Amino acid sequence: MENIPKALQVYQTRINAVIDYIVRNLDKSFSLEELAAVAYFSPYHFHRIFVAILGESVNFYTNRARLEKAARLLKFSKNTISDITYDCGFSSPSTFSRSFKQYFTTSPSTFRKKGNLKNSKICKELFPITEYLVPMSLVEKQQRFPIKIKTFPQRKVAYIRVINSYREGVVIRTFERLIEWAKQHNLFKGGQFFGMSLDDPMVTPKEKYRYEVCMTIPSYVDCEDADGIETMVMPLCQYATTVISGNINIVATAISYLFNDWLINSAYEPAHQYGLELFLDKAAICDWTHFDIELCVPVQPLKGY
């Protein structure tokens, strides 16, 4: 029998509770925040952990569970297609029929008559994100991205929030604006520049995605007269960190390793803060062909470990 690390068992137990909750409530709708609460994870980090454990998104798993339940009911019950539609949480028979055909490549009525799924798309690749990762063995990733646990003190931060941040060049231009402001106020040399994602790119639509362009500032600095630049105080927090030097593919590979390999096998879970990308080379903050950054995932001791 496979010996599963205790930390991974805790993660699996908490995600299994979510799966059970979903299965018991397939006829209802539920929010990501609701599911995160079942697992006692931060809503911001919950989806990444779900993907790391199950290998598929919450939406994909929920839709798959609904469709597979519908297929069982079509095959083994005499319920009408309309009844099955609502029993499985679909908003209308037309929506159900469209989803069923897209997934199983046959209509609900045809499946009920023939009872087979020869052309099913069940084994279809779930995430094209793998196309953006650098092929590395686990040992290679452990060597390339060593993890350190650091505690960052409470600090005051100046920031500009960007909405629809996938627009080409918008984040770089915002960094340029913050850098210019910092230089004008003699804050550039002493400030730590970083980015902070407020949403999960696997969940939030691109046009809604929020990103904060940030820098640390002395506590006495006032930004009231700075158009669009706001301040906040970030609390003392512990982070799992790794330093990265490379292109966007290396960054994506490091993020994947942090969540999919290291975190779920560690004695930590995400804390209720956002992840950070600290820019280590101030002269190259706006050169996104190559990154010298420190990835920081907020963590706390894993409950139940």
C-alpha atoms as a PDB file:
ATOM      1  CA  MET A   1       0.000   0.000   0.000  1.00  0.00           C
ATOM      2  CA  GLU A   2       1.328   3.457  -0.950  1.00  0.00           C
ATOM      3  CA  ASN A   3       2.655   5.473   1.973  1.00  0.00           C
ATOM      4  CA  ILE A   4       1.070   8.930   1.624  1.00  0.00           C
ATOM      5  CA  PRO A   5       2.791  11.764   3.533  1.00  0.00           C
ATOM      6  CA  LYS A   6       0.728  13.005   6.461  1.00  0.00           C
ATOM      7  CA  ALA A   7       0.560  16.555   5.118  1.00  0.00           C
ATOM      8  CA  LEU A   8      -0.849  15.366   1.794  1.00  0.00           C
ATOM      9  CA  GLN A   9      -3.403  13.244   3.670  1.00  0.00           C
ATOM     10  CA  VAL A  10      -4.645  16.395   5.435  1.00  0.00           C
ATOM     11  CA  TYR A  11      -4.994  18.258   2.127  1.00  0.00           C
ATOM     12  CA  GLN A  12      -6.783  15.293   0.547  1.00  0.00           C
ATOM     13  CA  THR A  13      -9.161  14.972   3.503  1.00  0.00           C
ATOM     14  CA  ARG A  14     -10.154  18.625   3.292  1.00  0.00           C
ATOM     15  CA  ILE A  15     -10.636  18.540  -0.489  1.00  0.00           C
ATOM     16  CA  ASN A  16     -12.568  15.268  -0.146  1.00  0.00           C
ATOM     17  CA  ALA A  17     -14.971  17.113   2.153  1.00  0.00           C
ATOM     18  CA  VAL A  18     -15.553  19.600  -0.681  1.00  0.00           C
ATOM     19  CA  ILE A  19     -16.115  16.790  -3.185  1.00  0.00           C
ATOM     20  CA  ASP A  20     -18.656  15.191  -0.837  1.00  0.00           C
ATOM     21  CA  TYR A  21     -20.370  18.559  -0.427  1.00  0.00           C
ATOM     22  CA  ILE A  22     -20.556  19.064  -4.191  1.00  0.00           C
ATOM     23  CA  VAL A  23     -21.921  15.557  -4.790  1.00  0.00           C
ATOM     24  CA  ARG A  24     -24.592  16.004  -2.103  1.00  0.00           C
ATOM     25  CA  ASN A  25     -25.685  19.321  -3.623  1.00  0.00           C
ATOM     26  CA  LEU A  26     -25.470  18.797  -7.375  1.00  0.00           C
ATOM     27  CA  ASP A  27     -29.002  20.122  -7.777  1.00  0.00           C
ATOM     28  CA  LYS A  28     -27.961  23.471  -6.260  1.00  0.00           C
ATOM     29  CA  SER A  29     -25.573  26.262  -7.175  1.00  0.00           C
ATOM     30  CA  PHE A  30     -22.695  27.198  -4.881  1.00  0.00           C
ATOM     31  CA  SER A  31     -19.989  29.828  -4.836  1.00  0.00           C
ATOM     32  CA  LEU A  32     -16.237  29.372  -4.679  1.00  0.00           C
ATOM     33  CA  GLU A  33     -16.295  31.097  -1.274  1.00  0.00           C
ATOM     34  CA  GLU A  34     -18.830  28.557  -0.009  1.00  0.00           C
ATOM     35  CA  LEU A  35     -16.685  25.611  -1.140  1.00  0.00           C
ATOM     36  CA  ALA A  36     -13.513  27.170   0.265  1.00  0.00           C
ATOM     37  CA  ALA A  37     -15.223  27.464   3.650  1.00  0.00           C
ATOM     38  CA  VAL A  38     -16.009  23.733   3.603  1.00  0.00           C
ATOM     39  CA  ALA A  39     -12.270  23.013   3.231  1.00  0.00           C
ATOM     40  CA  TYR A  40     -11.208  25.787   5.652  1.00  0.00           C
ATOM     41  CA  PHE A  41      -9.031  27.374   2.956  1.00  0.00           C
ATOM     42  CA  SER A  42      -8.777  30.974   1.841  1.00  0.00           C
ATOM     43  CA  PRO A  43     -11.083  31.579  -1.169  1.00  0.00           C
ATOM     44  CA  TYR A  44      -8.117  33.103  -3.006  1.00  0.00           C
ATOM     45  CA  HIS A  45      -5.924  29.988  -2.703  1.00  0.00           C
ATOM     46  CA  PHE A  46      -8.616  27.302  -2.578  1.00  0.00           C
ATOM     47  CA  HIS A  47      -8.950  26.812  -6.324  1.00  0.00           C
ATOM     48  CA  ARG A  48      -5.214  26.238  -6.876  1.00  0.00           C
ATOM     49  CA  ILE A  49      -5.172  23.633  -4.098  1.00  0.00           C
ATOM     50  CA  PHE A  50      -8.247  21.926  -5.550  1.00  0.00           C
ATOM     51  CA  VAL A  51      -6.508  21.699  -8.933  1.00  0.00           C
ATOM     52  CA  ALA A  52      -3.284  20.465  -7.326  1.00  0.00           C
ATOM     53  CA  ILE A  53      -5.102  17.627  -5.549  1.00  0.00           C
ATOM     54  CA  LEU A  54      -7.655  16.656  -8.212  1.00  0.00           C
ATOM     55  CA  GLY A  55      -5.958  17.731 -11.438  1.00  0.00           C
ATOM     56  CA  GLU A  56      -9.043  19.607 -12.648  1.00  0.00           C
ATOM     57  CA  SER A  57     -10.790  22.874 -11.872  1.00  0.00           C
ATOM     58  CA  VAL A  58     -13.769  23.204  -9.532  1.00  0.00           C
ATOM     59  CA  ASN A  59     -16.026  24.137 -12.461  1.00  0.00           C
ATOM     60  CA  PHE A  60     -14.824  21.222 -14.587  1.00  0.00           C
ATOM     61  CA  TYR A  61     -15.227  18.731 -11.735  1.00  0.00           C
ATOM     62  CA  THR A  62     -18.687  20.035 -10.801  1.00  0.00           C
ATOM     63  CA  ASN A  63     -19.890  19.973 -14.407  1.00  0.00           C
ATOM     64  CA  ARG A  64     -18.417  16.489 -14.914  1.00  0.00           C
ATOM     65  CA  ALA A  65     -20.083  15.200 -11.729  1.00  0.00           C
ATOM     66  CA  ARG A  66     -23.426  16.617 -12.862  1.00  0.00           C
ATOM     67  CA  LEU A  67     -23.133  15.097 -16.333  1.00  0.00           C
ATOM     68  CA  GLU A  68     -22.036  11.705 -15.040  1.00  0.00           C
ATOM     69  CA  LYS A  69     -24.960  11.683 -12.599  1.00  0.00           C
ATOM     70  CA  ALA A  70     -27.246  12.593 -15.493  1.00  0.00           C
ATOM     71  CA  ALA A  71     -25.840   9.733 -17.585  1.00  0.00           C
ATOM     72  CA  ARG A  72     -26.566   7.272 -14.752  1.00  0.00           C
ATOM     73  CA  LEU A  73     -30.115   8.578 -14.392  1.00  0.00           C
ATOM     74  CA  LEU A  74     -30.684   8.383 -18.153  1.00  0.00           C
ATOM     75  CA  LYS A  75     -29.511   4.785 -18.177  1.00  0.00           C
ATOM     76  CA  PHE A  76     -30.973   3.423 -14.946  1.00  0.00           C
ATOM     77  CA  SER A  77     -34.061   5.530 -14.187  1.00  0.00           C
ATOM     78  CA  LYS A  78     -37.303   6.396 -15.897  1.00  0.00           C
ATOM     79  CA  ASN A  79     -37.114  10.060 -14.936  1.00  0.00           C
ATOM     80  CA  THR A  80     -37.903  12.490 -17.714  1.00  0.00           C
ATOM     81  CA  ILE A  81     -35.065  14.446 -19.271  1.00  0.00           C
ATOM     82  CA  SER A  82     -36.639  17.570 -17.810  1.00  0.00           C
ATOM     83  CA  ASP A  83     -36.567  16.087 -14.286  1.00  0.00           C
ATOM     84  CA  ILE A  84     -32.952  14.940 -14.752  1.00  0.00           C
ATOM     85  CA  THR A  85     -32.033  18.439 -15.917  1.00  0.00           C
ATOM     86  CA  TYR A  86     -33.054  20.039 -12.629  1.00  0.00           C
ATOM     87  CA  ASP A  87     -32.013  17.114 -10.411  1.00  0.00           C
ATOM     88  CA  CYS A  88     -28.479  17.591 -11.754  1.00  0.00           C
ATOM     89  CA  GLY A  89     -28.383  21.350 -11.326  1.00  0.00           C
ATOM     90  CA  PHE A  90     -28.803  22.552 -14.925  1.00  0.00           C
ATOM     91  CA  SER A  91     -30.795  25.707 -15.525  1.00  0.00           C
ATOM     92  CA  SER A  92     -32.830  24.386 -18.484  1.00  0.00           C
ATOM     93  CA  PRO A  93     -33.218  21.261 -20.668  1.00  0.00           C
ATOM     94  CA  SER A  94     -31.544  23.082 -23.562  1.00  0.00           C
ATOM     95  CA  THR A  95     -28.519  23.958 -21.431  1.00  0.00           C
ATOM     96  CA  PHE A  96     -28.335  20.369 -20.188  1.00  0.00           C
ATOM     97  CA  SER A  97     -28.618  18.933 -23.696  1.00  0.00           C
ATOM     98  CA  ARG A  98     -25.919  21.230 -25.028  1.00  0.00           C
ATOM     99  CA  SER A  99     -23.530  20.419 -22.155  1.00  0.00           C
ATOM    100  CA  PHE A 100     -24.212  16.678 -22.380  1.00  0.00           C
ATOM    101  CA  LYS A 101     -23.549  16.596 -26.116  1.00  0.00           C
ATOM    102  CA  GLN A 102     -20.405  18.698 -25.806  1.00  0.00           C
ATOM    103  CA  TYR A 103     -19.000  16.371 -23.142  1.00  0.00           C
ATOM    104  CA  PHE A 104     -20.196  12.945 -24.349  1.00  0.00           C
ATOM    105  CA  THR A 105     -20.570  13.805 -28.074  1.00  0.00           C
ATOM    106  CA  THR A 106     -24.094  12.392 -28.104  1.00  0.00           C
ATOM    107  CA  SER A 107     -27.473  13.803 -27.083  1.00  0.00           C
ATOM    108  CA  PRO A 108     -29.238  12.730 -23.846  1.00  0.00           C
ATOM    109  CA  SER A 109     -32.090  11.131 -25.813  1.00  0.00           C
ATOM    110  CA  THR A 110     -29.706   9.169 -28.069  1.00  0.00           C
ATOM    111  CA  PHE A 111     -27.698   7.990 -25.066  1.00  0.00           C
ATOM    112  CA  ARG A 112     -30.902   6.852 -23.328  1.00  0.00           C
ATOM    113  CA  LYS A 113     -31.810   4.781 -26.397  1.00  0.00           C
ATOM    114  CA  LYS A 114     -28.355   3.324 -27.140  1.00  0.00           C
ATOM    115  CA  GLY A 115     -26.702   3.430 -23.722  1.00  0.00           C
ATOM    116  CA  ASN A 116     -23.095   3.784 -24.885  1.00  0.00           C
ATOM    117  CA  LEU A 117     -20.473   6.509 -25.019  1.00  0.00           C
ATOM    118  CA  LYS A 118     -18.045   5.320 -27.671  1.00  0.00           C
ATOM    119  CA  ASN A 119     -17.129   8.866 -28.634  1.00  0.00           C
ATOM    120  CA  SER A 120     -16.837  10.240 -25.104  1.00  0.00           C
ATOM    121  CA  LYS A 121     -14.435  13.113 -24.462  1.00  0.00           C
ATOM    122  CA  ILE A 122     -13.770  11.960 -20.892  1.00  0.00           C
ATOM    123  CA  CYS A 123     -10.076  11.371 -21.544  1.00  0.00           C
ATOM    124  CA  LYS A 124      -9.571  14.712 -23.261  1.00  0.00           C
ATOM    125  CA  GLU A 125      -6.695  16.833 -21.938  1.00  0.00           C
ATOM    126  CA  LEU A 126      -8.091  19.120 -19.245  1.00  0.00           C
ATOM    127  CA  PHE A 127      -5.551  21.950 -19.018  1.00  0.00           C
ATOM    128  CA  PRO A 128      -3.525  23.371 -21.905  1.00  0.00           C
ATOM    129  CA  ILE A 129      -1.512  25.226 -19.232  1.00  0.00           C
ATOM    130  CA  THR A 130       1.005  22.382 -19.433  1.00  0.00           C
ATOM    131  CA  GLU A 131       2.058  23.795 -22.796  1.00  0.00           C
ATOM    132  CA  TYR A 132       3.565  26.781 -20.964  1.00  0.00           C
ATOM    133  CA  LEU A 133       5.582  24.796 -18.414  1.00  0.00           C
ATOM    134  CA  VAL A 134       9.223  23.855 -18.806  1.00  0.00           C
ATOM    135  CA  PRO A 135       9.650  20.047 -18.730  1.00  0.00           C
ATOM    136  CA  MET A 136      11.447  19.246 -15.466  1.00  0.00           C
ATOM    137  CA  SER A 137      11.551  16.261 -13.159  1.00  0.00           C
ATOM    138  CA  LEU A 138      10.544  16.772  -9.527  1.00  0.00           C
ATOM    139  CA  VAL A 139      14.204  16.565  -8.495  1.00  0.00           C
ATOM    140  CA  GLU A 140      15.129  19.228 -11.063  1.00  0.00           C
ATOM    141  CA  LYS A 141      12.380  21.527  -9.776  1.00  0.00           C
ATOM    142  CA  GLN A 142      13.457  20.998  -6.177  1.00  0.00           C
ATOM    143  CA  GLN A 143      16.997  21.988  -7.131  1.00  0.00           C
ATOM    144  CA  ARG A 144      15.951  24.925  -9.333  1.00  0.00           C
ATOM    145  CA  PHE A 145      13.337  26.335  -6.925  1.00  0.00           C
ATOM    146  CA  PRO A 146      14.479  25.736  -3.318  1.00  0.00           C
ATOM    147  CA  ILE A 147      11.846  26.892  -0.825  1.00  0.00           C
ATOM    148  CA  LYS A 148      12.570  29.071   2.196  1.00  0.00           C
ATOM    149  CA  ILE A 149      10.097  30.114   4.892  1.00  0.00           C
ATOM    150  CA  LYS A 150      10.368  33.824   5.691  1.00  0.00           C
ATOM    151  CA  THR A 151       8.466  36.177   7.961  1.00  0.00           C
ATOM    152  CA  PHE A 152       7.766  39.638   6.524  1.00  0.00           C
ATOM    153  CA  PRO A 153       7.047  42.388   9.059  1.00  0.00           C
ATOM    154  CA  GLN A 154       4.096  44.761   8.950  1.00  0.00           C
ATOM    155  CA  ARG A 155       4.786  47.386   6.298  1.00  0.00           C
ATOM    156  CA  LYS A 156       3.142  50.377   4.659  1.00  0.00           C
ATOM    157  CA  VAL A 157       2.610  50.069   0.922  1.00  0.00           C
ATOM    158  CA  ALA A 158       1.768  52.443  -1.913  1.00  0.00           C
ATOM    159  CA  TYR A 159      -0.178  50.746  -4.694  1.00  0.00           C
ATOM    160  CA  ILE A 160      -2.097  51.199  -7.916  1.00  0.00           C
ATOM    161  CA  ARG A 161      -4.846  48.688  -8.664  1.00  0.00           C
ATOM    162  CA  VAL A 162      -5.204  47.553 -12.279  1.00  0.00           C
ATOM    163  CA  ILE A 163      -8.452  45.982 -13.506  1.00  0.00           C
ATOM    164  CA  ASN A 164      -8.484  43.949 -16.719  1.00  0.00           C
ATOM    165  CA  SER A 165      -4.751  43.585 -16.189  1.00  0.00           C
ATOM    166  CA  TYR A 166      -4.244  41.156 -19.085  1.00  0.00           C
ATOM    167  CA  ARG A 167      -4.452  44.056 -21.518  1.00  0.00           C
ATOM    168  CA  GLU A 168      -1.148  44.305 -23.331  1.00  0.00           C
ATOM    169  CA  GLY A 169       1.326  46.596 -21.594  1.00  0.00           C
ATOM    170  CA  VAL A 170      -1.072  47.922 -18.952  1.00  0.00           C
ATOM    171  CA  VAL A 171       0.787  46.497 -15.931  1.00  0.00           C
ATOM    172  CA  ILE A 172       4.200  47.597 -17.262  1.00  0.00           C
ATOM    173  CA  ARG A 173       2.894  51.124 -17.844  1.00  0.00           C
ATOM    174  CA  THR A 174       1.502  51.157 -14.301  1.00  0.00           C
ATOM    175  CA  PHE A 175       4.875  50.115 -12.892  1.00  0.00           C
ATOM    176  CA  GLU A 176       6.485  52.936 -14.912  1.00  0.00           C
ATOM    177  CA  ARG A 177       4.008  55.370 -13.374  1.00  0.00           C
ATOM    178  CA  LEU A 178       4.688  54.173  -9.811  1.00  0.00           C
ATOM    179  CA  ILE A 179       8.464  54.243 -10.398  1.00  0.00           C
ATOM    180  CA  GLU A 180       8.261  57.813 -11.693  1.00  0.00           C
ATOM    181  CA  TRP A 181       6.255  58.879  -8.635  1.00  0.00           C
ATOM    182  CA  ALA A 182       8.754  57.141  -6.327  1.00  0.00           C
ATOM    183  CA  LYS A 183      11.709  58.893  -7.968  1.00  0.00           C
ATOM    184  CA  GLN A 184       9.998  62.281  -7.744  1.00  0.00           C
ATOM    185  CA  HIS A 185       9.563  61.767  -3.989  1.00  0.00           C
ATOM    186  CA  ASN A 186      13.016  60.219  -3.369  1.00  0.00           C
ATOM    187  CA  LEU A 187      11.456  56.869  -2.450  1.00  0.00           C
ATOM    188  CA  PHE A 188      12.764  54.722  -5.298  1.00  0.00           C
ATOM    189  CA  LYS A 189      16.069  53.688  -3.718  1.00  0.00           C
ATOM    190  CA  GLY A 190      14.582  52.492  -0.421  1.00  0.00           C
ATOM    191  CA  GLY A 191      11.354  50.942  -1.725  1.00  0.00           C
ATOM    192  CA  GLN A 192      10.713  47.261  -2.437  1.00  0.00           C
ATOM    193  CA  PHE A 193       8.659  46.900  -5.621  1.00  0.00           C
ATOM    194  CA  PHE A 194       6.303  43.971  -6.026  1.00  0.00           C
ATOM    195  CA  GLY A 195       3.187  42.787  -7.774  1.00  0.00           C
ATOM    196  CA  MET A 196       0.167  41.233  -6.105  1.00  0.00           C
ATOM    197  CA  SER A 197      -2.541  39.239  -7.895  1.00  0.00           C
ATOM    198  CA  LEU A 198      -5.964  39.616  -6.297  1.00  0.00           C
ATOM    199  CA  ASP A 199      -7.668  36.934  -8.411  1.00  0.00           C
ATOM    200  CA  ASP A 200      -7.002  33.413  -9.650  1.00  0.00           C
ATOM    201  CA  PRO A 201      -6.438  33.408 -13.432  1.00  0.00           C
ATOM    202  CA  MET A 202      -8.002  29.939 -13.637  1.00  0.00           C
ATOM    203  CA  VAL A 203     -11.278  31.258 -12.172  1.00  0.00           C
ATOM    204  CA  THR A 204     -11.672  34.984 -12.832  1.00  0.00           C
ATOM    205  CA  PRO A 205     -12.544  36.206 -16.359  1.00  0.00           C
ATOM    206  CA  LYS A 206      -9.663  38.127 -17.942  1.00  0.00           C
ATOM    207  CA  GLU A 207     -11.574  41.389 -18.132  1.00  0.00           C
ATOM    208  CA  LYS A 208     -12.242  41.214 -14.359  1.00  0.00           C
ATOM    209  CA  TYR A 209      -8.743  40.159 -13.291  1.00  0.00           C
ATOM    210  CA  ARG A 210      -7.169  42.528 -10.734  1.00  0.00           C
ATOM    211  CA  TYR A 211      -3.477  43.128 -10.163  1.00  0.00           C
ATOM    212  CA  GLU A 212      -1.862  45.561  -7.753  1.00  0.00           C
ATOM    213  CA  VAL A 213       1.414  47.320  -8.588  1.00  0.00           C
ATOM    214  CA  CYS A 214       3.040  48.005  -5.228  1.00  0.00           C
ATOM    215  CA  MET A 215       6.057  49.371  -3.381  1.00  0.00           C
ATOM    216  CA  THR A 216       6.918  49.631   0.314  1.00  0.00           C
ATOM    217  CA  ILE A 217       7.142  53.174   1.685  1.00  0.00           C
ATOM    218  CA  PRO A 218       8.070  54.738   5.036  1.00  0.00           C
ATOM    219  CA  SER A 219       5.195  55.012   7.508  1.00  0.00           C
ATOM    220  CA  TYR A 220       5.259  58.830   7.397  1.00  0.00           C
ATOM    221  CA  VAL A 221       4.658  59.079   3.621  1.00  0.00           C
ATOM    222  CA  ASP A 222       1.235  60.423   2.617  1.00  0.00           C
ATOM    223  CA  CYS A 223      -0.191  59.692  -0.838  1.00  0.00           C
ATOM    224  CA  GLU A 224      -3.337  61.821  -0.618  1.00  0.00           C
ATOM    225  CA  ASP A 225      -2.157  64.133  -3.395  1.00  0.00           C
ATOM    226  CA  ALA A 226      -1.005  61.304  -5.677  1.00  0.00           C
ATOM    227  CA  ASP A 227      -3.691  60.701  -8.299  1.00  0.00           C
ATOM    228  CA  GLY A 228      -4.652  57.030  -8.306  1.00  0.00           C
ATOM    229  CA  ILE A 229      -1.937  55.958  -5.849  1.00  0.00           C
ATOM    230  CA  GLU A 230      -3.336  54.611  -2.598  1.00  0.00           C
ATOM    231  CA  THR A 231      -1.821  53.201   0.585  1.00  0.00           C
ATOM    232  CA  MET A 232      -2.453  50.228   2.814  1.00  0.00           C
ATOM    233  CA  VAL A 233      -0.743  48.476   5.713  1.00  0.00           C
ATOM    234  CA  MET A 234       0.147  44.852   5.079  1.00  0.00           C
ATOM    235  CA  PRO A 235       0.245  42.719   8.248  1.00  0.00           C
ATOM    236  CA  LEU A 236       3.110  40.603   9.504  1.00  0.00           C
ATOM    237  CA  CYS A 237       2.926  37.363   7.543  1.00  0.00           C
ATOM    238  CA  GLN A 238       4.911  34.200   6.926  1.00  0.00           C
ATOM    239  CA  TYR A 239       5.676  33.252   3.310  1.00  0.00           C
ATOM    240  CA  ALA A 240       7.061  30.283   1.435  1.00  0.00           C
ATOM    241  CA  THR A 241       9.498  31.839  -1.023  1.00  0.00           C
ATOM    242  CA  THR A 242      11.688  30.885  -3.947  1.00  0.00           C
ATOM    243  CA  VAL A 243      13.961  33.024  -6.124  1.00  0.00           C
ATOM    244  CA  ILE A 244      13.539  32.783  -9.896  1.00  0.00           C
ATOM    245  CA  SER A 245      15.652  34.001 -12.783  1.00  0.00           C
ATOM    246  CA  GLY A 246      14.268  33.345 -16.257  1.00  0.00           C
ATOM    247  CA  ASN A 247      11.438  33.945 -18.692  1.00  0.00           C
ATOM    248  CA  ILE A 248       7.694  33.655 -18.139  1.00  0.00           C
ATOM    249  CA  ASN A 249       7.824  29.891 -18.696  1.00  0.00           C
ATOM    250  CA  ILE A 250      10.262  29.494 -15.808  1.00  0.00           C
ATOM    251  CA  VAL A 251       8.000  31.647 -13.624  1.00  0.00           C
ATOM    252  CA  ALA A 252       4.945  29.522 -14.550  1.00  0.00           C
ATOM    253  CA  THR A 253       6.900  26.327 -13.804  1.00  0.00           C
ATOM    254  CA  ALA A 254       7.951  27.657 -10.395  1.00  0.00           C
ATOM    255  CA  ILE A 255       4.377  28.630  -9.498  1.00  0.00           C
ATOM    256  CA  SER A 256       3.154  25.185 -10.565  1.00  0.00           C
ATOM    257  CA  TYR A 257       5.849  23.524  -8.438  1.00  0.00           C
ATOM    258  CA  LEU A 258       5.028  25.669  -5.409  1.00  0.00           C
ATOM    259  CA  PHE A 259       1.360  24.689  -5.404  1.00  0.00           C
ATOM    260  CA  ASN A 260       1.221  21.307  -7.126  1.00  0.00           C
ATOM    261  CA  ASP A 261       4.303  19.704  -5.592  1.00  0.00           C
ATOM    262  CA  TRP A 262       5.714  21.534  -2.598  1.00  0.00           C
ATOM    263  CA  LEU A 263       2.716  23.033  -0.789  1.00  0.00           C
ATOM    264  CA  ILE A 264       0.437  19.998  -0.686  1.00  0.00           C
ATOM    265  CA  ASN A 265       3.290  17.873   0.666  1.00  0.00           C
ATOM    266  CA  SER A 266       4.444  20.416   3.251  1.00  0.00           C
ATOM    267  CA  ALA A 267       3.456  21.179   6.822  1.00  0.00           C
ATOM    268  CA  TYR A 268       1.861  24.436   5.628  1.00  0.00           C
ATOM    269  CA  GLU A 269      -1.337  25.722   4.071  1.00  0.00           C
ATOM    270  CA  PRO A 270      -2.070  29.106   2.455  1.00  0.00           C
ATOM    271  CA  ALA A 271      -2.709  31.970   4.844  1.00  0.00           C
ATOM    272  CA  HIS A 272      -5.450  34.538   4.190  1.00  0.00           C
ATOM    273  CA  GLN A 273      -3.234  36.971   2.288  1.00  0.00           C
ATOM    274  CA  TYR A 274      -2.312  37.413  -1.363  1.00  0.00           C
ATOM    275  CA  GLY A 275       0.773  36.017  -3.051  1.00  0.00           C
ATOM    276  CA  LEU A 276       3.594  38.416  -3.952  1.00  0.00           C
ATOM    277  CA  GLU A 277       6.113  38.745  -6.763  1.00  0.00           C
ATOM    278  CA  LEU A 278       9.069  40.733  -5.431  1.00  0.00           C
ATOM    279  CA  PHE A 279      11.192  42.379  -8.136  1.00  0.00           C
ATOM    280  CA  LEU A 280      14.848  41.872  -7.237  1.00  0.00           C
ATOM    281  CA  ASP A 281      16.343  43.997 -10.033  1.00  0.00           C
ATOM    282  CA  LYS A 282      14.889  47.515  -9.893  1.00  0.00           C
ATOM    283  CA  ALA A 283      16.556  48.488 -13.149  1.00  0.00           C
ATOM    284  CA  ALA A 284      14.650  45.744 -14.986  1.00  0.00           C
ATOM    285  CA  ILE A 285      11.208  45.905 -13.367  1.00  0.00           C
ATOM    286  CA  CYS A 286       9.596  46.785 -16.701  1.00  0.00           C
ATOM    287  CA  ASP A 287      11.577  44.279 -18.796  1.00  0.00           C
ATOM    288  CA  TRP A 288       9.246  41.280 -18.893  1.00  0.00           C
ATOM    289  CA  THR A 289      11.358  39.253 -21.314  1.00  0.00           C
ATOM    290  CA  HIS A 290      13.394  38.140 -18.292  1.00  0.00           C
ATOM    291  CA  PHE A 291      12.427  38.056 -14.625  1.00  0.00           C
ATOM    292  CA  ASP A 292      14.543  38.203 -11.472  1.00  0.00           C
ATOM    293  CA  ILE A 293      11.891  37.823  -8.826  1.00  0.00           C
ATOM    294  CA  GLU A 294      11.118  36.157  -5.534  1.00  0.00           C
ATOM    295  CA  LEU A 295       7.778  34.358  -5.487  1.00  0.00           C
ATOM    296  CA  CYS A 296       6.113  34.522  -2.079  1.00  0.00           C
ATOM    297  CA  VAL A 297       3.099  32.406  -1.081  1.00  0.00           C
ATOM    298  CA  PRO A 298       1.569  33.308   2.319  1.00  0.00           C
ATOM    299  CA  VAL A 299       1.486  30.265   4.585  1.00  0.00           C
ATOM    300  CA  GLN A 300       0.538  29.140   8.049  1.00  0.00           C
ATOM    301  CA  PRO A 301       0.892  25.789   9.851  1.00  0.00           C
ATOM    302  CA  LEU A 302      -1.374  23.160   8.314  1.00  0.00           C
ATOM    303  CA  LYS A 303      -4.376  22.457  10.527  1.00  0.00           C
ATOM    304  CA  GLY A 304      -4.452  18.819  11.507  1.00  0.00           C
ATOM    305  CA  TYR A 305      -0.750  18.250  10.825  1.00  0.00           C
END
